[in-house]
Protein backbone atom coordinates (compact mmCIF):
# COMPACT_ATOMS: atom_id res chain seq x y z
CA MET A 1 -4.52 71.74 -83.09
CA PRO A 2 -7.48 68.89 -83.19
CA VAL A 3 -10.84 70.30 -85.10
CA ASN A 4 -13.63 68.71 -84.94
CA PRO A 5 -14.67 67.48 -87.96
CA PHE A 6 -18.36 67.35 -87.96
CA PRO A 7 -19.68 70.66 -85.69
CA ASP A 8 -22.99 70.52 -86.92
CA LEU A 9 -23.75 67.30 -85.60
CA LEU A 10 -23.17 68.90 -81.67
CA THR A 11 -26.41 70.74 -82.24
CA TYR A 12 -28.31 67.19 -81.82
CA ALA A 13 -26.42 66.04 -78.41
CA LEU A 14 -29.46 66.19 -76.57
CA LEU A 15 -31.07 63.31 -79.12
CA THR A 16 -28.20 61.08 -77.40
CA PRO A 17 -29.87 60.25 -74.12
CA LEU A 18 -32.97 59.24 -75.77
CA ILE A 19 -31.51 57.22 -78.09
CA LEU A 20 -29.53 55.15 -74.89
CA ARG A 21 -33.00 54.72 -73.54
CA VAL A 22 -35.03 53.51 -76.05
CA THR A 23 -32.14 50.99 -76.71
CA ALA A 24 -32.17 50.24 -72.93
CA ALA A 25 -35.56 49.96 -73.11
CA ALA A 26 -35.95 47.22 -75.87
CA PHE A 27 -33.53 45.46 -74.05
CA PHE A 28 -35.72 45.29 -70.52
CA ALA A 29 -38.68 44.97 -72.49
CA TYR A 30 -37.04 41.11 -73.78
CA LEU A 31 -35.69 40.69 -70.86
CA ALA A 32 -39.45 41.19 -69.13
CA THR A 33 -41.39 38.89 -71.87
CA HIS A 34 -38.42 36.23 -71.46
CA HIS A 35 -38.88 36.40 -68.04
CA PHE A 36 -42.31 36.05 -67.37
CA ARG A 37 -42.62 33.51 -70.27
CA ASN A 38 -40.30 31.11 -68.87
CA LYS A 39 -41.17 31.59 -65.31
CA LYS A 40 -42.34 28.37 -65.00
CA THR A 41 -39.44 26.89 -66.57
CA ALA A 42 -37.45 28.81 -64.30
CA ALA A 43 -38.34 28.63 -61.37
CA PRO A 44 -36.59 25.22 -59.99
CA GLU A 45 -33.60 27.08 -60.54
CA LEU A 46 -34.41 29.22 -57.25
CA SER A 47 -33.74 26.34 -55.07
CA ILE A 48 -34.03 28.25 -52.04
CA LEU A 49 -37.52 29.01 -52.76
CA ASN A 50 -40.90 26.86 -52.96
CA GLN A 51 -42.03 26.47 -56.31
CA HIS A 52 -45.55 28.70 -56.00
CA THR A 53 -43.10 31.36 -54.31
CA ALA A 54 -40.40 31.64 -57.18
CA VAL A 55 -42.95 31.33 -59.88
CA PHE A 56 -44.17 34.68 -58.03
CA ALA A 57 -40.91 36.07 -57.33
CA LEU A 58 -40.14 35.73 -60.83
CA GLY A 59 -43.03 37.26 -62.00
CA VAL A 60 -42.49 40.46 -59.71
CA TYR A 61 -38.84 40.51 -61.07
CA ALA A 62 -40.78 40.69 -64.51
CA LEU A 63 -42.77 43.43 -63.41
CA ILE A 64 -39.69 45.27 -62.67
CA GLU A 65 -38.17 45.30 -65.33
CA ALA A 66 -41.13 46.15 -67.71
CA LEU A 67 -41.75 48.90 -65.04
CA VAL A 68 -37.62 49.94 -65.72
CA ALA A 69 -38.48 49.35 -69.48
CA ILE A 70 -41.79 51.51 -69.51
CA GLY A 71 -39.88 54.26 -67.20
CA LEU A 72 -36.55 54.41 -69.90
CA PHE A 73 -38.89 54.12 -72.85
CA LEU A 74 -41.52 57.21 -71.93
CA GLY A 75 -38.50 59.24 -70.57
CA PHE A 76 -40.73 59.30 -67.06
CA TYR A 77 -38.62 59.24 -63.89
CA THR A 78 -35.79 58.07 -65.82
CA GLN A 79 -32.78 58.29 -63.69
CA ILE A 80 -34.88 56.19 -61.19
CA ALA A 81 -35.72 53.58 -64.10
CA ALA A 82 -32.04 54.02 -64.50
CA LEU A 83 -30.62 52.84 -61.26
CA VAL A 84 -32.77 50.44 -61.11
CA GLY A 85 -31.78 48.61 -64.34
CA LEU A 86 -28.47 49.08 -63.28
CA VAL A 87 -28.84 46.79 -60.04
CA ALA A 88 -30.45 44.34 -62.14
CA CYS A 89 -27.34 44.01 -64.41
CA LEU A 90 -25.30 44.06 -61.47
CA LYS A 91 -27.54 41.39 -59.86
CA VAL A 92 -27.40 39.28 -63.00
CA LEU A 93 -23.43 39.77 -63.77
CA PHE A 94 -22.90 38.50 -59.93
CA LEU A 95 -25.30 35.62 -59.69
CA ARG A 96 -25.31 33.97 -63.30
CA ARG A 97 -22.75 31.31 -63.26
CA GLY A 98 -26.09 29.34 -62.08
CA LEU A 99 -29.20 30.97 -62.88
CA HIS A 100 -29.39 30.11 -67.12
CA HIS A 101 -32.98 30.62 -67.32
CA LEU A 102 -32.60 34.11 -65.64
CA ALA A 103 -29.99 35.25 -67.44
CA PRO A 104 -30.57 34.77 -71.42
CA LEU A 105 -28.14 37.36 -72.71
CA THR A 106 -24.54 37.18 -72.59
CA ARG A 107 -22.31 38.67 -70.01
CA SER A 108 -21.02 40.98 -72.51
CA THR A 109 -24.49 42.47 -73.08
CA TYR A 110 -25.33 42.80 -69.37
CA ILE A 111 -22.13 44.75 -69.02
CA LEU A 112 -22.95 47.21 -71.67
CA LEU A 113 -26.44 47.68 -70.47
CA GLY A 114 -25.50 48.45 -67.18
CA ILE A 115 -22.82 51.13 -68.93
CA ILE A 116 -26.38 52.53 -70.50
CA CYS A 117 -28.08 52.61 -67.50
CA LEU A 118 -24.76 54.49 -65.58
CA SER A 119 -24.91 57.07 -68.32
CA LEU A 120 -28.63 57.98 -68.18
CA LEU A 121 -28.18 58.15 -64.47
CA PHE A 122 -25.68 60.85 -64.69
CA THR A 123 -27.31 62.33 -67.74
CA GLY A 124 -30.66 62.17 -67.33
CA ALA A 125 -33.30 61.50 -70.10
CA GLY A 126 -32.59 64.11 -72.77
CA ALA A 127 -35.12 65.11 -75.49
CA PHE A 128 -38.49 64.35 -75.91
CA ALA A 129 -39.25 63.19 -72.03
CA PHE A 130 -41.31 63.55 -69.22
CA ASP A 131 -38.68 64.15 -66.73
CA LEU A 132 -38.01 67.91 -65.93
CA PRO A 133 -34.00 68.90 -67.46
CA LEU A 134 -31.69 68.72 -64.95
């Protein structure tokens, strides 16, 4: 019969979503600052739009990533922020080939970030959050 070697660690189970939230928030904060700083150099990659519209769209995208980072870090509307973060990760995974300035992280990093967001979507915010418990 298998026995849990560290049964006392189960008392810290509510801290797991906190660790995941802070980790995902750090990645989204990095992405938001990267996209905001490089929006003029990344604008030509969006060949569908003209230069001014592409810069504006990248600014809005960076703002969305920043809001996701803030929401995840504070635990405020965590599941909505995780859903938006998951959609952003999936978008990058499907559109990554020609958009090198828009996807500064590796493909595996976006997969792991998407899995973290999916986990937060199902489990909730955890400890030290403004969200109500599930």
